[in-house]
Structure formats: structure tokens, C-alpha cells
N, C-alpha and C. Protein backbone atom coordinates (compact mmCIF):
# COMPACT_ATOMS: atom_id res chain seq x y z
N MET A 1 7.15 2.66 -12.00
CA MET A 1 8.04 3.45 -12.83
C MET A 1 7.96 4.93 -12.48
N LEU A 2 6.76 5.37 -12.18
CA LEU A 2 6.57 6.78 -11.82
C LEU A 2 7.31 7.12 -10.53
N GLU A 3 7.37 6.16 -9.60
CA GLU A 3 8.07 6.41 -8.35
C GLU A 3 9.57 6.60 -8.59
N VAL A 4 10.13 5.80 -9.49
CA VAL A 4 11.57 5.92 -9.79
C VAL A 4 11.86 7.28 -10.41
N MET A 5 11.01 7.71 -11.31
CA MET A 5 11.21 9.02 -11.94
C MET A 5 11.08 10.14 -10.90
N PHE A 6 10.14 9.98 -9.97
CA PHE A 6 9.98 10.97 -8.91
C PHE A 6 11.23 11.06 -8.06
N VAL A 7 11.77 9.92 -7.67
CA VAL A 7 12.96 9.90 -6.81
C VAL A 7 14.16 10.52 -7.54
N LEU A 8 14.33 10.19 -8.80
CA LEU A 8 15.45 10.77 -9.55
C LEU A 8 15.30 12.28 -9.72
N ALA A 9 14.11 12.73 -10.04
CA ALA A 9 13.88 14.17 -10.19
C ALA A 9 14.06 14.88 -8.85
N PHE A 10 13.59 14.28 -7.78
CA PHE A 10 13.75 14.85 -6.45
C PHE A 10 15.22 14.96 -6.08
N PHE A 11 15.98 13.92 -6.36
CA PHE A 11 17.42 13.90 -6.10
C PHE A 11 18.13 15.01 -6.86
N MET A 12 17.82 15.12 -8.14
CA MET A 12 18.47 16.15 -8.97
C MET A 12 18.07 17.56 -8.53
N ALA A 13 16.81 17.75 -8.19
CA ALA A 13 16.37 19.08 -7.75
C ALA A 13 17.07 19.49 -6.46
N LEU A 14 17.23 18.57 -5.55
CA LEU A 14 17.92 18.89 -4.30
C LEU A 14 19.40 19.18 -4.53
N LEU A 15 20.03 18.39 -5.40
CA LEU A 15 21.44 18.65 -5.69
C LEU A 15 21.64 19.99 -6.39
N LEU A 16 20.75 20.32 -7.31
CA LEU A 16 20.89 21.57 -8.05
C LEU A 16 20.62 22.80 -7.18
N THR A 17 19.86 22.66 -6.11
CA THR A 17 19.60 23.81 -5.24
C THR A 17 20.69 24.01 -4.21
N GLY A 18 21.65 23.08 -4.14
CA GLY A 18 22.79 23.29 -3.27
C GLY A 18 22.68 22.64 -1.91
N ILE A 19 21.77 21.73 -1.73
CA ILE A 19 21.66 21.03 -0.45
C ILE A 19 22.76 19.97 -0.40
N SER A 20 23.29 19.74 0.80
CA SER A 20 24.41 18.79 0.94
C SER A 20 23.95 17.37 0.61
N LEU A 21 24.93 16.52 0.36
CA LEU A 21 24.64 15.13 0.00
C LEU A 21 23.94 14.40 1.15
N LEU A 22 24.32 14.70 2.39
CA LEU A 22 23.66 14.08 3.54
C LEU A 22 22.20 14.51 3.62
N GLY A 23 21.93 15.76 3.35
CA GLY A 23 20.55 16.25 3.33
C GLY A 23 19.74 15.61 2.21
N VAL A 24 20.38 15.41 1.06
CA VAL A 24 19.72 14.76 -0.07
C VAL A 24 19.37 13.32 0.28
N ILE A 25 20.29 12.60 0.90
CA ILE A 25 20.04 11.21 1.26
C ILE A 25 18.92 11.12 2.30
N ALA A 26 18.92 12.02 3.28
CA ALA A 26 17.86 12.02 4.29
C ALA A 26 16.51 12.34 3.65
N ALA A 27 16.47 13.30 2.75
CA ALA A 27 15.22 13.65 2.07
C ALA A 27 14.73 12.50 1.20
N LEU A 28 15.65 11.81 0.53
CA LEU A 28 15.27 10.65 -0.29
C LEU A 28 14.71 9.53 0.57
N ALA A 29 15.28 9.32 1.75
CA ALA A 29 14.77 8.28 2.65
C ALA A 29 13.35 8.61 3.10
N VAL A 30 13.11 9.85 3.45
CA VAL A 30 11.77 10.26 3.87
C VAL A 30 10.79 10.14 2.70
N ALA A 31 11.20 10.58 1.53
CA ALA A 31 10.33 10.49 0.35
C ALA A 31 10.03 9.03 -0.01
N ALA A 32 11.02 8.16 0.11
CA ALA A 32 10.80 6.75 -0.19
C ALA A 32 9.82 6.13 0.79
N LEU A 33 9.94 6.47 2.08
CA LEU A 33 8.98 5.97 3.07
C LEU A 33 7.57 6.45 2.78
N LEU A 34 7.45 7.72 2.42
CA LEU A 34 6.12 8.25 2.09
C LEU A 34 5.53 7.56 0.87
N LEU A 35 6.36 7.29 -0.13
CA LEU A 35 5.87 6.59 -1.32
C LEU A 35 5.46 5.15 -1.00
N VAL A 36 6.21 4.48 -0.15
CA VAL A 36 5.86 3.11 0.21
C VAL A 36 4.53 3.08 0.95
N PHE A 37 4.38 3.93 1.96
CA PHE A 37 3.13 3.94 2.72
C PHE A 37 1.96 4.42 1.87
N GLY A 38 2.20 5.36 0.99
CA GLY A 38 1.14 5.80 0.08
C GLY A 38 0.71 4.69 -0.86
N GLY A 39 1.67 3.92 -1.37
CA GLY A 39 1.34 2.80 -2.24
C GLY A 39 0.57 1.71 -1.51
N LEU A 40 0.94 1.43 -0.26
CA LEU A 40 0.21 0.44 0.52
C LEU A 40 -1.21 0.90 0.80
N PHE A 41 -1.37 2.19 1.10
CA PHE A 41 -2.70 2.74 1.36
C PHE A 41 -3.59 2.63 0.12
N VAL A 42 -3.06 2.96 -1.03
CA VAL A 42 -3.82 2.85 -2.28
C VAL A 42 -4.16 1.39 -2.58
N LEU A 43 -3.24 0.48 -2.30
CA LEU A 43 -3.49 -0.94 -2.52
C LEU A 43 -4.63 -1.44 -1.63
N VAL A 44 -4.66 -1.01 -0.38
CA VAL A 44 -5.74 -1.41 0.53
C VAL A 44 -7.07 -0.87 0.03
N ILE A 45 -7.10 0.37 -0.40
CA ILE A 45 -8.35 0.95 -0.91
C ILE A 45 -8.79 0.24 -2.18
N LYS A 46 -7.84 -0.14 -3.02
CA LYS A 46 -8.16 -0.84 -4.27
C LYS A 46 -8.71 -2.23 -4.01
N LEU A 47 -8.21 -2.91 -2.97
CA LEU A 47 -8.65 -4.27 -2.65
C LEU A 47 -9.86 -4.31 -1.72
N LEU A 48 -10.26 -3.17 -1.17
CA LEU A 48 -11.36 -3.15 -0.20
C LEU A 48 -12.66 -3.74 -0.73
N PRO A 49 -13.10 -3.44 -1.96
CA PRO A 49 -14.34 -4.06 -2.45
C PRO A 49 -14.24 -5.58 -2.53
N TRP A 50 -13.08 -6.11 -2.91
CA TRP A 50 -12.92 -7.56 -3.00
C TRP A 50 -12.92 -8.20 -1.62
N LEU A 51 -12.33 -7.52 -0.64
CA LEU A 51 -12.36 -8.04 0.73
C LEU A 51 -13.79 -8.05 1.26
N ALA A 52 -14.55 -7.00 0.99
CA ALA A 52 -15.95 -6.95 1.42
C ALA A 52 -16.76 -8.04 0.74
N LEU A 53 -16.50 -8.29 -0.54
CA LEU A 53 -17.20 -9.35 -1.26
C LEU A 53 -16.87 -10.72 -0.66
N ALA A 54 -15.63 -10.95 -0.31
CA ALA A 54 -15.25 -12.22 0.31
C ALA A 54 -15.95 -12.41 1.65
N ILE A 55 -16.07 -11.35 2.44
CA ILE A 55 -16.76 -11.44 3.72
C ILE A 55 -18.24 -11.77 3.52
N VAL A 56 -18.87 -11.14 2.54
CA VAL A 56 -20.29 -11.41 2.26
C VAL A 56 -20.48 -12.84 1.79
N VAL A 57 -19.61 -13.34 0.93
CA VAL A 57 -19.73 -14.71 0.43
C VAL A 57 -19.59 -15.72 1.57
N VAL A 58 -18.63 -15.52 2.45
CA VAL A 58 -18.46 -16.43 3.58
C VAL A 58 -19.66 -16.36 4.51
N TRP A 59 -20.18 -15.17 4.75
CA TRP A 59 -21.36 -15.00 5.60
C TRP A 59 -22.56 -15.72 5.00
N LEU A 60 -22.78 -15.56 3.68
CA LEU A 60 -23.89 -16.25 3.03
C LEU A 60 -23.71 -17.76 3.03
N TYR A 61 -22.52 -18.23 2.81
CA TYR A 61 -22.24 -19.67 2.82
C TYR A 61 -22.56 -20.27 4.19
N ARG A 62 -22.13 -19.60 5.24
CA ARG A 62 -22.41 -20.11 6.59
C ARG A 62 -23.89 -20.01 6.94
N ALA A 63 -24.57 -19.00 6.44
CA ALA A 63 -25.98 -18.82 6.77
C ALA A 63 -26.85 -19.82 6.01
N LEU A 64 -26.51 -20.20 4.80
CA LEU A 64 -27.33 -21.06 3.97
C LEU A 64 -26.96 -22.54 4.07
N ARG A 65 -25.87 -22.85 4.69
CA ARG A 65 -25.41 -24.23 4.80
C ARG A 65 -26.26 -24.97 5.84
N LYS A 66 -26.57 -26.24 5.57
CA LYS A 66 -27.32 -27.04 6.54
C LYS A 66 -26.45 -27.29 7.76
N PRO A 67 -27.04 -27.22 8.93
CA PRO A 67 -26.24 -27.54 10.11
C PRO A 67 -25.86 -29.01 10.12
N GLN A 68 -24.62 -29.29 10.34
CA GLN A 68 -24.14 -30.67 10.38
C GLN A 68 -24.39 -31.24 11.77
N PRO A 69 -24.91 -32.48 11.84
CA PRO A 69 -25.09 -33.09 13.17
C PRO A 69 -23.73 -33.41 13.78
N HIS A 70 -23.63 -33.19 15.05
CA HIS A 70 -22.37 -33.48 15.75
C HIS A 70 -22.23 -34.98 15.95
N ARG A 71 -21.08 -35.50 15.65
CA ARG A 71 -20.80 -36.92 15.85
C ARG A 71 -19.87 -37.05 17.06
N TYR A 72 -20.43 -37.54 18.12
CA TYR A 72 -19.63 -37.69 19.34
C TYR A 72 -19.20 -39.11 19.54
């Protein structure tokens, strides 16, 4: 929701300062790309502890599991 408000406020601020509609659309496209990549970056940082925990659990499972005899 905050992103939508940012885009609308950005659009209105550019229109009120007298920038052309093409310039406003280009600026909105750049701002939208920055918001998307920023959101993905924050999501990766937020999920990083869970990914590290999953790696540790798999490592412990493989280390503590009895070796299975090969059946040829």
C-alpha cells in the first residue's frame, strides 16, 4: 500500500512542477523498477535466516543419518 501512495504522490509532484507527461511516465517506470528491486532485496534479507536454518538442518540430517548399504 505504501508503494502505491508513493507512486501517486510522485506522479502528482512531477505533474505539478511542470514536467511533461512523457517525462512523468519515464520517471514512474524508473521508480517502479527501483521499488520492485528494493522489495525483492528486502525479501531476500528477511528470508535469509530461514534459508540458513534450512541449510543447517539438511547438513545435520545428512551427518547424523546412518549410511545405507548399497544394494547392487
